């Protein structure tokens, strides 16, 4: 099959790692903890934004929108 006729594959949207920027951030078995499978960095979801200091409630993570600060748009993930 020529390249132009191949069906497009759906790529699952995954959160990007704050360290390397690659979309390989995965949850670990501990709640609120994440590990990048690309650079092997570990992160923790915090309730206070590291950038602006605004406090937010940590809800169960259903979307990646919970990982960004609603005030400044910064990451709510802190490196471990």
C-alpha atoms as a PDB file:
ATOM      1  CA  UNK A   1       0.000   0.000   0.000  1.00  0.00           C
ATOM      2  CA  UNK A   2       1.520   3.406  -0.928  1.00  0.00           C
ATOM      3  CA  UNK A   3       2.238   5.887   1.868  1.00  0.00           C
ATOM      4  CA  UNK A   4      -0.567   8.253   0.802  1.00  0.00           C
ATOM      5  CA  UNK A   5      -3.204   5.498   0.990  1.00  0.00           C
ATOM      6  CA  UNK A   6      -2.317   4.172   4.459  1.00  0.00           C
ATOM      7  CA  UNK A   7      -4.979   4.926   7.077  1.00  0.00           C
ATOM      8  CA  UNK A   8      -3.963   7.362   9.775  1.00  0.00           C
ATOM      9  CA  UNK A   9      -3.297   5.725  13.138  1.00  0.00           C
ATOM     10  CA  UNK A  10      -4.730   7.251  16.272  1.00  0.00           C
ATOM     11  CA  UNK A  11      -2.102   8.274  18.770  1.00  0.00           C
ATOM     12  CA  UNK A  12      -3.205   8.351  22.377  1.00  0.00           C
ATOM     13  CA  UNK A  13      -2.566  11.794  23.867  1.00  0.00           C
ATOM     14  CA  UNK A  14      -0.300  11.357  26.875  1.00  0.00           C
ATOM     15  CA  UNK A  15       1.008  14.066  29.220  1.00  0.00           C
ATOM     16  CA  UNK A  16       4.456  15.428  28.438  1.00  0.00           C
ATOM     17  CA  UNK A  17       7.280  15.021  30.929  1.00  0.00           C
ATOM     18  CA  UNK A  18       8.205  18.370  32.555  1.00  0.00           C
ATOM     19  CA  UNK A  19      11.883  17.381  32.368  1.00  0.00           C
ATOM     20  CA  UNK A  20      12.449  16.101  28.830  1.00  0.00           C
ATOM     21  CA  UNK A  21       9.192  17.160  27.141  1.00  0.00           C
ATOM     22  CA  UNK A  22       8.526  13.695  25.688  1.00  0.00           C
ATOM     23  CA  UNK A  23       4.965  12.268  25.964  1.00  0.00           C
ATOM     24  CA  UNK A  24       6.043   9.325  28.146  1.00  0.00           C
ATOM     25  CA  UNK A  25       4.715  10.322  31.594  1.00  0.00           C
ATOM     26  CA  UNK A  26       2.964   7.394  33.269  1.00  0.00           C
ATOM     27  CA  UNK A  27       1.278   7.027  36.679  1.00  0.00           C
ATOM     28  CA  UNK A  28       2.987   4.758  39.209  1.00  0.00           C
ATOM     29  CA  UNK A  29       1.276   2.531  41.746  1.00  0.00           C
ATOM     30  CA  UNK A  30       1.389   5.286  44.369  1.00  0.00           C
ATOM     31  CA  UNK A  31      -1.381   7.893  44.009  1.00  0.00           C
ATOM     32  CA  UNK A  32      -0.169  11.242  42.693  1.00  0.00           C
ATOM     33  CA  UNK A  33       3.217   9.900  41.581  1.00  0.00           C
ATOM     34  CA  UNK A  34       4.408   9.757  37.982  1.00  0.00           C
ATOM     35  CA  UNK A  35       7.472   8.461  36.145  1.00  0.00           C
ATOM     36  CA  UNK A  36       8.751   9.349  32.695  1.00  0.00           C
ATOM     37  CA  UNK A  37       9.554   6.134  30.851  1.00  0.00           C
ATOM     38  CA  UNK A  38      11.851   8.045  28.476  1.00  0.00           C
ATOM     39  CA  UNK A  39      14.212   9.875  30.900  1.00  0.00           C
ATOM     40  CA  UNK A  40      13.229   7.861  34.045  1.00  0.00           C
ATOM     41  CA  UNK A  41      12.546  11.021  36.098  1.00  0.00           C
ATOM     42  CA  UNK A  42       9.997  10.786  38.920  1.00  0.00           C
ATOM     43  CA  UNK A  43       7.400  13.439  39.790  1.00  0.00           C
ATOM     44  CA  UNK A  44       4.809  14.064  42.480  1.00  0.00           C
ATOM     45  CA  UNK A  45       1.512  15.887  42.002  1.00  0.00           C
ATOM     46  CA  UNK A  46       1.390  18.737  44.555  1.00  0.00           C
ATOM     47  CA  UNK A  47      -1.504  20.876  45.746  1.00  0.00           C
ATOM     48  CA  UNK A  48       0.444  24.170  45.715  1.00  0.00           C
ATOM     49  CA  UNK A  49       1.715  25.456  42.374  1.00  0.00           C
ATOM     50  CA  UNK A  50       5.539  25.622  42.334  1.00  0.00           C
ATOM     51  CA  UNK A  51       5.386  28.648  39.986  1.00  0.00           C
ATOM     52  CA  UNK A  52       2.796  31.000  41.492  1.00  0.00           C
ATOM     53  CA  UNK A  53       2.069  29.411  44.903  1.00  0.00           C
ATOM     54  CA  UNK A  54      -1.696  29.127  44.291  1.00  0.00           C
ATOM     55  CA  UNK A  55      -3.322  26.253  46.216  1.00  0.00           C
ATOM     56  CA  UNK A  56      -5.606  23.846  44.363  1.00  0.00           C
ATOM     57  CA  UNK A  57      -7.545  20.759  45.347  1.00  0.00           C
ATOM     58  CA  UNK A  58      -6.107  17.507  44.063  1.00  0.00           C
ATOM     59  CA  UNK A  59      -8.937  15.450  42.627  1.00  0.00           C
ATOM     60  CA  UNK A  60      -8.653  11.964  41.249  1.00  0.00           C
ATOM     61  CA  UNK A  61      -6.687  12.239  38.048  1.00  0.00           C
ATOM     62  CA  UNK A  62      -9.080  11.635  35.192  1.00  0.00           C
ATOM     63  CA  UNK A  63      -7.456  13.973  32.689  1.00  0.00           C
ATOM     64  CA  UNK A  64      -4.107  15.644  32.182  1.00  0.00           C
ATOM     65  CA  UNK A  65      -5.809  19.013  32.798  1.00  0.00           C
ATOM     66  CA  UNK A  66      -5.452  18.312  36.538  1.00  0.00           C
ATOM     67  CA  UNK A  67      -1.656  18.568  36.133  1.00  0.00           C
ATOM     68  CA  UNK A  68      -1.685  22.258  35.167  1.00  0.00           C
ATOM     69  CA  UNK A  69      -2.276  25.230  37.443  1.00  0.00           C
ATOM     70  CA  UNK A  70      -5.586  26.943  36.738  1.00  0.00           C
ATOM     71  CA  UNK A  71      -4.137  30.342  37.674  1.00  0.00           C
ATOM     72  CA  UNK A  72      -0.835  30.512  35.778  1.00  0.00           C
ATOM     73  CA  UNK A  73      -0.883  27.382  33.579  1.00  0.00           C
ATOM     74  CA  UNK A  74       2.321  26.000  35.145  1.00  0.00           C
ATOM     75  CA  UNK A  75       2.925  22.349  35.940  1.00  0.00           C
ATOM     76  CA  UNK A  76       1.639  20.976  39.252  1.00  0.00           C
ATOM     77  CA  UNK A  77       4.291  18.237  39.139  1.00  0.00           C
ATOM     78  CA  UNK A  78       7.303  18.482  41.435  1.00  0.00           C
ATOM     79  CA  UNK A  79      10.451  16.431  40.750  1.00  0.00           C
ATOM     80  CA  UNK A  80      11.335  13.848  43.379  1.00  0.00           C
END
